[in-house]
N, C-alpha and C. Protein backbone atom coordinates (compact mmCIF):
# COMPACT_ATOMS: atom_id res chain seq x y z
N MET A 1 -70.71 161.80 -0.93
CA MET A 1 -71.85 162.50 -1.69
C MET A 1 -71.12 163.09 -2.89
N ASN A 2 -71.84 162.87 -4.09
CA ASN A 2 -71.31 163.34 -5.53
C ASN A 2 -71.73 165.08 -5.60
N LEU A 3 -71.10 165.52 -6.78
CA LEU A 3 -71.18 166.81 -6.89
C LEU A 3 -73.08 167.31 -6.92
N THR A 4 -73.60 166.54 -7.87
CA THR A 4 -75.11 166.94 -8.00
C THR A 4 -75.75 166.81 -6.56
N ASP A 5 -75.49 165.62 -5.64
CA ASP A 5 -76.09 165.45 -4.60
C ASP A 5 -75.86 166.66 -3.65
N THR A 6 -74.56 167.43 -3.58
CA THR A 6 -74.11 168.16 -2.81
C THR A 6 -74.59 169.45 -3.30
N ILE A 7 -74.75 169.74 -4.45
CA ILE A 7 -75.56 170.93 -4.86
C ILE A 7 -76.86 170.98 -4.43
N ARG A 8 -77.73 169.70 -4.58
CA ARG A 8 -79.06 169.51 -4.34
C ARG A 8 -79.50 169.82 -2.68
N LEU A 9 -78.38 169.57 -2.02
CA LEU A 9 -78.25 169.64 -0.61
C LEU A 9 -78.52 171.26 -0.22
N TYR A 10 -77.66 171.78 -1.13
CA TYR A 10 -77.83 173.60 -0.35
C TYR A 10 -78.96 174.01 -1.00
N LEU A 11 -79.74 173.43 -2.27
CA LEU A 11 -80.98 173.94 -2.63
C LEU A 11 -82.06 173.37 -1.70
N MET A 12 -81.78 172.25 -1.15
CA MET A 12 -82.90 171.71 -0.28
C MET A 12 -83.11 172.49 1.11
N GLU A 13 -81.80 172.67 1.64
CA GLU A 13 -81.53 173.42 2.77
C GLU A 13 -82.30 175.00 2.72
N LYS A 14 -82.05 175.37 1.47
CA LYS A 14 -82.66 176.75 1.03
C LYS A 14 -84.11 176.67 1.26
N ARG A 15 -84.88 175.50 0.58
CA ARG A 15 -85.96 175.52 0.23
C ARG A 15 -86.60 175.33 1.83
N ARG A 16 -85.95 174.77 2.80
CA ARG A 16 -86.65 174.53 4.10
C ARG A 16 -86.05 176.02 5.12
N ILE A 17 -85.49 176.71 4.65
CA ILE A 17 -85.30 177.83 5.19
C ILE A 17 -86.27 178.76 4.84
N LEU A 18 -86.62 178.91 3.38
CA LEU A 18 -87.70 179.64 2.72
C LEU A 18 -89.30 179.36 3.53
N ASP A 19 -89.20 178.09 3.76
CA ASP A 19 -90.58 177.53 4.51
C ASP A 19 -90.70 178.07 5.63
N ASP A 20 -89.54 177.96 6.70
CA ASP A 20 -89.72 178.60 7.77
C ASP A 20 -89.23 179.87 7.95
N PHE A 21 -89.39 180.47 7.06
CA PHE A 21 -88.81 182.05 7.28
C PHE A 21 -89.67 183.00 7.97
N PRO A 22 -89.01 183.82 9.21
CA PRO A 22 -89.70 184.25 9.99
C PRO A 22 -90.23 185.64 9.61
N VAL A 23 -91.44 185.37 8.62
CA VAL A 23 -92.05 187.00 7.96
C VAL A 23 -92.29 187.93 9.10
N TYR A 24 -93.00 187.84 9.86
CA TYR A 24 -93.53 188.54 10.95
C TYR A 24 -92.11 189.53 11.34
N ALA A 25 -91.12 188.87 11.61
CA ALA A 25 -89.89 189.82 11.73
C ALA A 25 -89.80 190.90 10.73
N LEU A 26 -89.62 190.46 9.54
CA LEU A 26 -89.65 191.28 8.28
C LEU A 26 -90.52 192.31 8.17
N GLU A 27 -91.90 191.91 8.24
CA GLU A 27 -92.84 192.86 8.21
C GLU A 27 -92.89 193.80 9.16
N ARG A 28 -92.41 193.70 10.62
CA ARG A 28 -92.33 194.60 11.43
C ARG A 28 -90.85 195.59 11.15
N ALA A 29 -90.13 194.84 10.74
CA ALA A 29 -88.57 195.98 9.79
C ALA A 29 -89.29 196.90 8.72
N THR A 30 -90.05 196.09 7.95
CA THR A 30 -90.70 197.10 6.94
C THR A 30 -91.34 198.16 7.38
N GLU A 31 -92.47 198.00 8.15
CA GLU A 31 -92.95 199.28 9.06
C GLU A 31 -92.08 200.08 9.87
N MET A 32 -90.81 199.42 10.37
CA MET A 32 -90.00 200.78 10.96
C MET A 32 -89.41 201.11 10.01
N LEU A 33 -89.29 200.94 8.82
CA LEU A 33 -88.77 201.32 7.59
C LEU A 33 -89.55 202.52 7.02
N PHE A 34 -90.85 202.06 7.04
CA PHE A 34 -91.79 203.06 6.43
C PHE A 34 -91.80 204.21 7.56
N GLU A 35 -92.05 204.25 8.67
CA GLU A 35 -92.12 205.14 9.55
C GLU A 35 -90.85 206.08 9.77
N THR A 36 -89.63 205.41 9.48
CA THR A 36 -88.43 206.36 9.03
C THR A 36 -88.49 207.15 7.72
N TYR A 37 -89.09 206.81 7.09
CA TYR A 37 -89.24 207.51 5.54
C TYR A 37 -90.20 208.57 5.71
N GLU A 38 -91.24 208.51 6.47
CA GLU A 38 -92.26 209.31 6.80
C GLU A 38 -91.92 210.38 7.75
N ASP A 39 -91.01 209.97 8.46
CA ASP A 39 -90.58 210.84 9.42
C ASP A 39 -89.62 211.81 9.16
N GLY A 40 -89.01 211.57 7.93
CA GLY A 40 -87.73 212.24 7.63
C GLY A 40 -86.48 211.75 8.22
N GLY A 41 -86.32 210.60 8.80
CA GLY A 41 -85.29 209.92 9.20
C GLY A 41 -84.56 209.59 8.41
N THR A 42 -83.18 208.69 9.04
CA THR A 42 -82.04 208.38 8.26
C THR A 42 -81.94 206.87 8.78
N VAL A 43 -81.83 206.37 7.72
CA VAL A 43 -81.30 204.50 7.96
C VAL A 43 -80.18 204.33 8.01
N TYR A 44 -79.54 203.93 8.90
CA TYR A 44 -78.08 203.54 8.88
C TYR A 44 -77.77 201.97 8.84
N GLY A 45 -76.75 201.55 8.07
CA GLY A 45 -76.64 200.30 7.88
C GLY A 45 -75.08 199.80 8.41
N MET A 46 -74.89 198.65 9.08
CA MET A 46 -73.66 198.07 9.16
C MET A 46 -73.51 196.62 9.06
N ALA A 47 -72.41 196.00 8.73
CA ALA A 47 -72.01 194.89 8.65
C ALA A 47 -70.37 194.87 8.37
N ASN A 48 -70.15 193.18 8.62
CA ASN A 48 -68.54 192.97 8.27
C ASN A 48 -68.17 192.09 7.18
N GLY A 49 -67.16 192.30 6.66
CA GLY A 49 -66.52 191.32 5.52
C GLY A 49 -67.65 191.51 4.30
N GLY A 50 -67.97 190.34 3.91
CA GLY A 50 -68.84 190.26 2.39
C GLY A 50 -70.10 190.62 2.27
N ASN A 51 -70.76 190.54 3.89
CA ASN A 51 -72.11 191.14 4.02
C ASN A 51 -71.77 192.88 4.01
N ALA A 52 -70.51 193.54 4.26
CA ALA A 52 -70.62 194.80 3.69
C ALA A 52 -70.85 195.32 2.38
N GLY A 53 -70.28 194.24 1.73
CA GLY A 53 -70.76 194.26 0.12
C GLY A 53 -72.19 194.29 -0.33
N THR A 54 -72.74 193.37 0.26
CA THR A 54 -74.37 193.38 0.15
C THR A 54 -75.14 194.42 0.82
N LEU A 55 -74.75 194.96 1.58
CA LEU A 55 -75.17 196.28 2.22
C LEU A 55 -75.07 197.51 1.38
N ASP A 56 -73.64 197.42 0.42
CA ASP A 56 -73.60 198.53 -0.39
C ASP A 56 -74.89 198.42 -1.37
N HIS A 57 -75.30 197.02 -1.74
CA HIS A 57 -76.04 196.77 -2.68
C HIS A 57 -77.64 197.50 -2.16
N ALA A 58 -77.74 197.15 -0.97
CA ALA A 58 -78.79 197.43 -0.44
C ALA A 58 -78.89 199.17 -0.19
N PHE A 59 -77.93 199.72 -0.22
CA PHE A 59 -77.98 201.24 -0.19
C PHE A 59 -78.20 201.74 -1.37
N CYS A 60 -77.55 201.20 -2.72
CA CYS A 60 -78.12 201.89 -3.80
C CYS A 60 -79.63 201.39 -3.87
N ASP A 61 -80.33 200.37 -3.95
CA ASP A 61 -81.38 199.73 -3.95
C ASP A 61 -82.42 200.59 -3.30
N LEU A 62 -82.20 200.75 -2.18
CA LEU A 62 -83.05 201.66 -0.92
C LEU A 62 -82.97 203.04 -1.47
N LYS A 63 -81.76 203.52 -1.63
CA LYS A 63 -81.97 205.09 -1.99
C LYS A 63 -82.41 205.37 -3.40
N HIS A 64 -82.31 204.47 -4.42
CA HIS A 64 -82.61 204.88 -5.75
C HIS A 64 -83.99 204.34 -6.39
N HIS A 65 -84.00 202.90 -6.24
CA HIS A 65 -84.93 202.30 -6.85
C HIS A 65 -86.51 202.50 -6.68
N PRO A 66 -86.68 202.86 -5.44
CA PRO A 66 -88.23 203.08 -5.20
C PRO A 66 -88.48 204.66 -5.84
N PHE A 67 -87.46 205.56 -6.02
CA PHE A 67 -87.95 206.77 -6.67
C PHE A 67 -87.75 206.87 -8.15
N VAL A 68 -87.76 205.83 -8.81
CA VAL A 68 -87.48 205.92 -10.72
C VAL A 68 -88.83 205.29 -10.99
N SER A 69 -89.02 205.84 -12.31
CA SER A 69 -90.51 205.21 -12.95
C SER A 69 -90.60 204.00 -13.19
N GLU A 70 -91.32 203.18 -13.36
CA GLU A 70 -91.69 201.90 -13.61
C GLU A 70 -90.62 201.42 -15.19
N ASP A 71 -90.88 202.38 -15.87
CA ASP A 71 -90.27 202.35 -17.33
C ASP A 71 -88.82 202.62 -17.09
N LYS A 72 -88.07 203.13 -16.03
CA LYS A 72 -86.85 203.19 -15.72
C LYS A 72 -86.27 204.68 -16.72
N THR A 73 -87.28 205.45 -17.12
CA THR A 73 -86.71 206.62 -18.16
C THR A 73 -86.59 207.84 -17.26
N ARG A 74 -87.12 207.94 -16.11
CA ARG A 74 -87.30 209.22 -15.36
C ARG A 74 -87.49 208.81 -13.83
N GLN A 75 -86.84 209.86 -13.11
CA GLN A 75 -86.93 209.90 -11.57
C GLN A 75 -88.39 210.32 -11.24
N LEU A 76 -88.74 210.18 -10.25
CA LEU A 76 -90.21 210.49 -9.77
C LEU A 76 -90.19 211.84 -9.29
N PRO A 77 -91.41 212.70 -9.22
CA PRO A 77 -91.56 213.95 -9.17
C PRO A 77 -90.42 214.81 -7.96
N ALA A 78 -89.90 215.84 -8.47
CA ALA A 78 -88.78 216.49 -7.65
C ALA A 78 -89.16 216.51 -6.16
N GLY A 79 -90.44 216.95 -5.84
CA GLY A 79 -90.75 217.41 -4.56
C GLY A 79 -91.00 216.25 -3.86
N LEU A 80 -90.89 214.95 -4.25
CA LEU A 80 -91.27 213.65 -3.33
C LEU A 80 -89.93 213.66 -2.36
N PRO A 81 -90.27 213.29 -1.04
CA PRO A 81 -89.09 213.11 -0.34
C PRO A 81 -88.37 211.97 -0.53
N ARG A 82 -86.98 212.11 -0.54
CA ARG A 82 -86.51 210.84 -0.63
C ARG A 82 -85.85 210.07 0.56
N LEU A 83 -85.47 208.98 0.59
CA LEU A 83 -85.19 208.10 1.72
C LEU A 83 -83.39 208.33 2.02
N ASN A 84 -83.28 208.87 3.30
CA ASN A 84 -81.74 209.25 3.56
C ASN A 84 -81.07 207.94 4.29
N PHE A 85 -80.31 207.26 3.21
CA PHE A 85 -79.55 206.17 3.83
C PHE A 85 -78.00 206.46 3.85
N VAL A 86 -77.65 205.88 5.19
CA VAL A 86 -76.07 206.00 5.45
C VAL A 86 -75.44 204.42 5.31
N ASN A 87 -74.73 204.16 4.66
CA ASN A 87 -74.15 203.04 4.66
C ASN A 87 -72.84 203.14 5.64
N LEU A 88 -72.51 202.75 6.56
CA LEU A 88 -71.56 203.12 7.76
C LEU A 88 -70.07 202.44 7.11
N CYS A 89 -70.21 201.71 6.15
CA CYS A 89 -69.22 200.70 5.70
C CYS A 89 -68.56 201.40 4.25
N THR A 90 -69.31 202.11 3.74
CA THR A 90 -69.01 202.54 2.44
C THR A 90 -67.64 203.34 2.38
N SER A 91 -66.72 203.83 3.22
CA SER A 91 -65.79 204.60 2.97
C SER A 91 -64.80 203.88 3.78
N ALA A 92 -63.56 203.65 2.79
CA ALA A 92 -62.40 202.79 3.21
C ALA A 92 -61.62 203.72 4.11
N ALA A 93 -61.50 204.95 3.85
CA ALA A 93 -60.96 205.88 4.41
C ALA A 93 -61.28 206.21 5.86
N GLU A 94 -62.66 206.19 5.74
CA GLU A 94 -63.42 206.58 7.14
C GLU A 94 -63.21 205.44 8.20
N LEU A 95 -63.42 204.39 7.64
CA LEU A 95 -63.33 203.10 8.53
C LEU A 95 -62.06 202.86 8.88
N THR A 96 -60.95 203.13 7.94
CA THR A 96 -59.49 202.77 8.62
C THR A 96 -59.13 203.77 9.46
N GLY A 97 -59.49 205.06 9.32
CA GLY A 97 -59.13 206.40 10.21
C GLY A 97 -59.74 205.98 11.54
N LEU A 98 -60.95 205.52 11.64
CA LEU A 98 -61.77 205.30 12.74
C LEU A 98 -61.21 204.25 13.57
N VAL A 99 -60.79 202.77 12.79
CA VAL A 99 -60.07 201.91 13.51
C VAL A 99 -58.77 202.46 13.93
N ASN A 100 -58.14 203.26 13.18
CA ASN A 100 -56.62 203.81 13.67
C ASN A 100 -56.98 204.62 14.98
N ASP A 101 -57.99 205.32 15.15
CA ASP A 101 -58.03 206.32 16.06
C ASP A 101 -58.73 205.70 17.58
N LEU A 102 -60.07 204.95 16.88
CA LEU A 102 -60.87 204.35 18.01
C LEU A 102 -60.75 202.93 18.25
N GLY A 103 -60.24 202.22 17.31
CA GLY A 103 -60.04 200.71 17.53
C GLY A 103 -61.18 200.04 16.72
N SER A 104 -61.05 198.89 16.24
CA SER A 104 -62.06 198.11 15.47
C SER A 104 -63.31 197.89 15.68
N ASP A 105 -63.54 197.67 17.44
CA ASP A 105 -64.71 197.58 18.34
C ASP A 105 -65.58 198.77 18.07
N ASN A 106 -65.00 199.98 17.69
CA ASN A 106 -65.70 201.44 17.98
C ASN A 106 -65.91 201.77 16.43
N MET A 107 -65.50 201.11 15.55
CA MET A 107 -65.58 201.83 14.06
C MET A 107 -66.94 202.25 13.57
N PHE A 108 -67.80 201.43 13.97
CA PHE A 108 -69.06 201.84 13.55
C PHE A 108 -69.62 202.89 14.40
N VAL A 109 -69.31 202.70 15.90
CA VAL A 109 -69.82 203.87 17.11
C VAL A 109 -69.52 205.29 16.18
N GLY A 110 -67.92 205.26 15.99
CA GLY A 110 -67.53 206.49 15.53
C GLY A 110 -68.41 207.38 14.44
N SER A 111 -68.90 206.91 13.97
CA SER A 111 -69.55 207.56 12.41
C SER A 111 -70.93 207.75 13.03
N LEU A 112 -71.52 206.71 13.69
CA LEU A 112 -73.04 206.78 14.30
C LEU A 112 -73.22 207.62 15.17
N ALA A 113 -72.74 207.83 16.31
CA ALA A 113 -73.15 208.30 17.76
C ALA A 113 -73.10 209.81 17.36
N PRO A 114 -72.42 210.37 16.85
CA PRO A 114 -72.34 212.08 16.58
C PRO A 114 -73.80 212.32 15.82
N PHE A 115 -74.40 211.57 15.36
CA PHE A 115 -75.75 211.59 14.31
C PHE A 115 -76.74 211.04 14.58
N VAL A 116 -77.15 209.76 15.10
CA VAL A 116 -78.11 209.03 15.26
C VAL A 116 -79.02 209.84 16.21
N THR A 117 -80.26 209.86 15.91
CA THR A 117 -81.62 210.49 16.37
C THR A 117 -82.88 209.60 16.76
N PRO A 118 -83.62 209.86 17.32
CA PRO A 118 -84.94 208.99 17.80
C PRO A 118 -85.59 208.48 16.38
N ARG A 119 -85.42 209.62 15.39
CA ARG A 119 -86.19 209.33 14.10
C ARG A 119 -85.71 208.95 13.08
N ASP A 120 -84.73 208.00 13.42
CA ASP A 120 -83.61 206.97 12.49
C ASP A 120 -83.70 205.56 12.79
N LEU A 121 -83.48 205.02 11.87
CA LEU A 121 -83.60 203.56 12.04
C LEU A 121 -81.97 202.88 11.59
N VAL A 122 -81.82 201.98 12.81
CA VAL A 122 -80.24 201.38 12.64
C VAL A 122 -80.59 200.17 12.24
N MET A 123 -79.86 199.51 11.49
CA MET A 123 -79.98 198.11 10.73
C MET A 123 -78.57 197.53 10.72
N ALA A 124 -78.34 196.50 11.39
CA ALA A 124 -77.28 195.60 11.73
C ALA A 124 -77.31 194.13 11.24
N TYR A 125 -76.26 193.66 10.56
CA TYR A 125 -75.94 192.41 10.19
C TYR A 125 -75.16 191.83 10.64
N SER A 126 -75.10 190.70 11.33
CA SER A 126 -74.03 190.01 12.02
C SER A 126 -74.63 188.73 12.15
N GLY A 127 -73.81 187.42 11.43
CA GLY A 127 -74.31 186.16 11.85
C GLY A 127 -74.30 185.67 13.00
N SER A 128 -73.45 185.68 14.00
CA SER A 128 -73.22 185.53 14.89
C SER A 128 -73.84 186.27 15.93
N GLY A 129 -74.44 187.40 15.70
CA GLY A 129 -75.06 188.38 16.46
C GLY A 129 -74.02 189.07 17.66
N ASN A 130 -72.89 189.02 17.66
CA ASN A 130 -72.17 189.20 18.62
C ASN A 130 -70.76 189.99 18.16
N SER A 131 -70.83 190.55 16.90
CA SER A 131 -69.47 191.34 16.45
C SER A 131 -69.53 192.56 17.14
N PRO A 132 -68.30 192.70 17.90
CA PRO A 132 -68.13 193.73 18.78
C PRO A 132 -68.56 195.18 18.45
N ASN A 133 -68.05 195.36 16.88
CA ASN A 133 -68.17 196.54 16.46
C ASN A 133 -69.75 197.16 16.07
N VAL A 134 -70.51 195.71 15.60
CA VAL A 134 -72.10 195.99 15.64
C VAL A 134 -72.40 196.15 16.76
N VAL A 135 -72.29 195.10 17.97
CA VAL A 135 -73.11 195.32 19.06
C VAL A 135 -73.00 196.73 19.73
N ARG A 136 -71.73 197.29 19.77
CA ARG A 136 -71.59 198.44 20.29
C ARG A 136 -72.16 199.53 19.85
N ALA A 137 -72.26 199.56 18.39
CA ALA A 137 -73.21 200.38 17.65
C ALA A 137 -74.51 200.57 18.14
N LEU A 138 -75.18 199.34 18.08
CA LEU A 138 -76.36 198.93 18.20
C LEU A 138 -76.67 199.45 19.68
N GLU A 139 -75.81 199.25 20.70
CA GLU A 139 -75.89 200.07 22.20
C GLU A 139 -76.14 201.94 22.10
N VAL A 140 -75.18 202.18 21.10
CA VAL A 140 -75.14 203.57 20.77
C VAL A 140 -76.86 203.94 20.32
N ALA A 141 -77.32 202.89 19.31
CA ALA A 141 -78.55 203.41 18.88
C ALA A 141 -79.66 203.38 19.73
N VAL A 142 -79.54 202.29 20.66
CA VAL A 142 -80.72 202.15 21.54
C VAL A 142 -80.64 203.25 22.55
N ALA A 143 -79.46 203.56 22.90
CA ALA A 143 -79.36 204.67 24.01
C ALA A 143 -79.65 205.91 23.43
N ALA A 144 -79.88 206.09 22.05
CA ALA A 144 -80.74 207.18 21.33
C ALA A 144 -81.61 207.52 21.21
N GLY A 145 -82.39 206.20 21.40
CA GLY A 145 -83.87 206.31 21.26
C GLY A 145 -84.15 205.83 19.66
N SER A 146 -83.42 205.26 18.81
CA SER A 146 -83.75 204.99 17.52
C SER A 146 -84.25 203.88 17.44
N LYS A 147 -84.75 203.61 16.32
CA LYS A 147 -85.37 202.00 15.86
C LYS A 147 -84.24 201.18 15.46
N THR A 148 -84.43 200.07 15.80
CA THR A 148 -83.37 198.93 15.50
C THR A 148 -83.70 197.70 15.10
N PHE A 149 -82.78 197.09 13.91
CA PHE A 149 -83.24 196.17 13.29
C PHE A 149 -81.90 195.42 13.44
N ALA A 150 -81.92 193.88 13.48
CA ALA A 150 -80.75 193.17 13.54
C ALA A 150 -81.29 191.99 12.45
N MET A 151 -80.41 191.45 11.84
CA MET A 151 -80.49 190.21 11.18
C MET A 151 -79.44 189.38 11.28
N THR A 152 -79.65 188.28 12.16
CA THR A 152 -78.49 187.03 12.54
C THR A 152 -78.96 185.56 12.41
N LYS A 153 -78.18 184.66 12.80
CA LYS A 153 -78.51 183.50 12.68
C LYS A 153 -78.47 183.12 14.00
N GLY A 154 -78.55 181.62 14.11
CA GLY A 154 -78.02 180.75 15.21
C GLY A 154 -79.07 181.20 16.34
N ASP A 155 -78.46 181.56 17.40
CA ASP A 155 -79.37 182.06 18.94
C ASP A 155 -79.56 183.59 18.81
N GLY A 156 -79.00 184.39 17.59
CA GLY A 156 -79.27 185.65 17.68
C GLY A 156 -77.99 186.63 18.32
N GLY A 157 -77.73 185.78 19.39
CA GLY A 157 -76.47 186.66 20.20
C GLY A 157 -76.92 187.78 20.75
N ARG A 158 -75.92 188.81 21.22
CA ARG A 158 -76.45 189.90 22.01
C ARG A 158 -77.31 190.83 21.17
N CYS A 159 -77.06 190.86 19.86
CA CYS A 159 -77.69 191.59 18.76
C CYS A 159 -79.42 191.38 19.19
N ARG A 160 -79.85 190.06 19.30
CA ARG A 160 -81.10 189.76 19.51
C ARG A 160 -81.71 190.46 20.92
N GLU A 161 -80.70 190.64 21.86
CA GLU A 161 -81.10 190.92 23.12
C GLU A 161 -81.54 192.63 22.79
N LEU A 162 -80.71 193.06 21.94
CA LEU A 162 -80.72 194.70 21.87
C LEU A 162 -81.69 195.44 21.02
N ALA A 163 -82.05 194.67 19.73
CA ALA A 163 -82.53 195.21 18.86
C ALA A 163 -84.32 195.21 19.03
N ASP A 164 -84.95 196.26 18.38
CA ASP A 164 -86.54 196.06 18.62
C ASP A 164 -86.76 194.82 18.02
N VAL A 165 -86.32 194.82 16.72
CA VAL A 165 -86.76 193.89 15.85
C VAL A 165 -85.54 193.04 15.52
N THR A 166 -85.42 191.22 15.63
CA THR A 166 -84.37 190.72 15.02
C THR A 166 -84.94 189.69 14.17
N LEU A 167 -84.52 189.37 12.92
CA LEU A 167 -84.90 188.30 12.04
C LEU A 167 -83.62 187.26 12.16
N VAL A 168 -83.74 186.26 12.57
CA VAL A 168 -83.19 185.07 12.67
C VAL A 168 -83.39 184.55 11.62
N VAL A 169 -82.12 184.22 10.76
CA VAL A 169 -82.17 183.19 9.74
C VAL A 169 -82.39 181.89 10.40
N PRO A 170 -83.46 181.21 10.19
CA PRO A 170 -83.87 179.65 10.70
C PRO A 170 -82.85 178.42 10.36
N GLY A 171 -82.50 177.55 10.76
CA GLY A 171 -82.02 176.30 10.13
C GLY A 171 -80.33 175.98 10.67
N THR A 172 -80.06 175.06 9.83
CA THR A 172 -78.63 174.46 10.18
C THR A 172 -78.30 174.16 8.84
N SER A 173 -76.84 173.79 8.43
CA SER A 173 -76.44 173.17 7.55
C SER A 173 -75.45 172.23 7.27
N ASN A 174 -75.47 171.42 6.58
CA ASN A 174 -74.33 170.33 6.39
C ASN A 174 -73.55 170.35 4.96
N PHE A 175 -73.98 171.54 4.28
CA PHE A 175 -73.23 172.07 3.13
C PHE A 175 -71.63 172.43 3.23
N PRO A 176 -70.62 172.02 2.49
CA PRO A 176 -69.20 172.32 3.02
C PRO A 176 -69.13 173.85 3.10
N GLY A 177 -68.32 174.44 3.84
CA GLY A 177 -68.10 175.71 4.02
C GLY A 177 -68.92 176.53 4.95
N GLN A 178 -70.07 176.11 5.53
CA GLN A 178 -70.95 176.45 6.32
C GLN A 178 -71.70 175.58 7.49
N THR A 179 -70.29 175.00 7.82
CA THR A 179 -70.51 173.98 8.98
C THR A 179 -69.65 174.52 10.11
N GLY A 180 -69.90 173.87 11.19
CA GLY A 180 -69.16 174.27 12.43
C GLY A 180 -69.62 175.86 12.73
N LYS A 181 -68.51 176.45 13.10
CA LYS A 181 -68.50 178.12 13.44
C LYS A 181 -68.97 178.79 12.37
N ASN A 182 -69.16 178.35 11.11
CA ASN A 182 -69.63 178.93 10.15
C ASN A 182 -70.94 178.54 9.76
N ASP A 183 -71.58 177.67 10.68
CA ASP A 183 -73.23 177.11 10.34
C ASP A 183 -74.15 177.81 9.81
N ASN A 184 -74.53 177.42 8.92
CA ASN A 184 -75.75 178.34 7.82
C ASN A 184 -75.17 179.64 7.24
N ASN A 185 -73.89 180.00 7.49
CA ASN A 185 -73.45 181.33 6.82
C ASN A 185 -73.77 181.72 5.48
N PHE A 186 -73.55 180.75 4.59
CA PHE A 186 -73.96 181.10 3.37
C PHE A 186 -75.40 181.15 2.92
N HIS A 187 -76.28 180.57 3.82
CA HIS A 187 -77.45 181.04 3.59
C HIS A 187 -78.29 182.19 4.23
N PHE A 188 -77.41 182.48 5.30
CA PHE A 188 -77.64 183.79 6.07
C PHE A 188 -77.29 184.89 5.35
N GLU A 189 -76.00 184.71 4.40
CA GLU A 189 -75.57 186.03 3.49
C GLU A 189 -76.78 185.68 2.12
N ASP A 190 -77.23 185.02 1.88
CA ASP A 190 -77.95 184.67 0.43
C ASP A 190 -79.29 185.70 1.15
N GLU A 191 -79.91 185.28 2.21
CA GLU A 191 -81.11 185.69 2.77
C GLU A 191 -81.10 187.19 2.99
N ILE A 192 -79.64 187.96 3.35
CA ILE A 192 -79.68 189.18 3.40
C ILE A 192 -79.88 190.16 2.00
N LEU A 193 -79.64 189.59 0.92
CA LEU A 193 -79.93 190.00 -0.06
C LEU A 193 -81.35 190.17 -0.43
N SER A 194 -82.11 188.91 -0.17
CA SER A 194 -83.42 188.77 -0.42
C SER A 194 -84.04 189.66 0.90
N VAL A 195 -83.78 190.01 1.84
CA VAL A 195 -84.40 190.86 2.65
C VAL A 195 -84.31 192.54 2.06
N ASN A 196 -83.08 192.63 1.48
CA ASN A 196 -83.03 193.86 0.77
C ASN A 196 -83.72 194.19 -0.40
N HIS A 197 -84.06 193.15 -1.01
CA HIS A 197 -84.74 193.30 -2.21
C HIS A 197 -86.31 193.47 -1.88
N ILE A 198 -86.98 192.49 -0.83
CA ILE A 198 -88.04 192.76 -0.18
C ILE A 198 -88.57 194.13 0.28
N LEU A 199 -87.83 194.54 0.95
CA LEU A 199 -87.71 196.02 1.49
C LEU A 199 -87.76 197.02 0.60
N THR A 200 -87.05 196.70 -0.51
CA THR A 200 -86.92 197.87 -1.31
C THR A 200 -88.22 197.76 -2.45
N GLY A 201 -88.76 196.61 -2.82
CA GLY A 201 -89.85 196.55 -3.25
C GLY A 201 -91.23 197.00 -2.71
N LEU A 202 -90.96 196.77 -1.31
CA LEU A 202 -92.21 197.17 -0.48
C LEU A 202 -92.27 198.79 -0.47
N LEU A 203 -91.03 199.34 0.02
CA LEU A 203 -90.88 200.82 -0.11
C LEU A 203 -91.38 201.53 -1.48
N LYS A 204 -91.18 200.73 -2.73
CA LYS A 204 -91.72 201.26 -4.24
C LYS A 204 -93.13 201.27 -4.07
N GLU A 205 -93.54 200.11 -3.35
CA GLU A 205 -94.96 200.28 -3.55
C GLU A 205 -95.81 201.35 -2.89
N ARG A 206 -94.90 201.53 -1.45
CA ARG A 206 -95.80 202.85 -0.96
C ARG A 206 -95.37 204.03 -1.52
N ILE A 207 -94.17 204.45 -2.01
CA ILE A 207 -94.04 205.43 -2.66
C ILE A 207 -95.11 205.56 -3.77
N ALA A 208 -95.25 204.72 -4.74
CA ALA A 208 -96.31 204.46 -5.50
C ALA A 208 -97.64 205.13 -5.31
N ALA A 209 -98.30 204.33 -4.08
CA ALA A 209 -99.35 204.28 -3.41
C ALA A 209 -99.39 206.01 -3.26
N ARG A 210 -98.18 206.61 -2.62
CA ARG A 210 -98.39 208.08 -2.17
C ARG A 210 -98.61 208.97 -3.20
N ILE A 211 -98.12 208.87 -4.35
CA ILE A 211 -98.10 209.55 -5.65
C ILE A 211 -99.30 209.37 -6.06
N HIS A 212 -100.02 208.29 -6.14
CA HIS A 212 -101.19 208.08 -6.73
C HIS A 212 -102.33 208.88 -5.72
N GLU A 213 -102.03 208.61 -4.77
CA GLU A 213 -102.96 209.71 -3.55
C GLU A 213 -102.89 210.93 -3.69
N ALA A 214 -101.72 211.83 -3.95
CA ALA A 214 -101.31 213.13 -4.35
C ALA A 214 -101.97 213.36 -5.63
N ALA A 215 -102.07 212.36 -6.55
CA ALA A 215 -102.54 212.80 -7.74
C ALA A 215 -104.10 213.02 -7.90
N LEU A 216 -104.56 212.00 -7.09
CA LEU A 216 -106.32 212.12 -6.86
C LEU A 216 -106.61 213.45 -6.07
N ALA A 217 -105.78 213.82 -4.97
CA ALA A 217 -106.21 214.86 -4.26
C ALA A 217 -106.10 216.22 -5.06
N GLY A 218 -105.01 215.94 -6.25
CA GLY A 218 -105.04 217.45 -6.73
C GLY A 218 -105.72 217.43 -8.18
């Protein structure tokens, strides 16, 4: 297969994933995000490897973008509640300290367990659905009664069994670098960013409606 055909293969697979995308799971995740925001809860996110970097992107988007004006010249009213978002992957110092003290399988548990409550939403990203550090943290979240969302691929693994809502990216791949045990991994990672942007846009719409209703009432 030449370069042109190989590139087209990736894009063809992407189109197929989008056609089969589990919109219902993302809709339910959005509802949980709205509920967490309205209740004054906290969103906790966790992922491994490159996905931790994408999660940092989501942290920035969800924490700030819905609360900036459309022309980006000012923030929205000071009294407007903000979304509390904690990225469990942010601090290298915290993560390496927790790995040193508790082991890598408990690195997310160590920073989640003391704080998570039933008002919160815990968002877990694992391609296999079986990453031990993600699974153990999800178990803590479930025990605490918090809302849980997982995003995976393949059969969804243990995350699918634990989470209230699991979004499984559909399909399989023949593109170089995402076959075998890495099957569909590039597409999975691409879709994490898409999910982040959809959630951010929907939350921004929700905030705008809230402001409009307040203005009418005032």
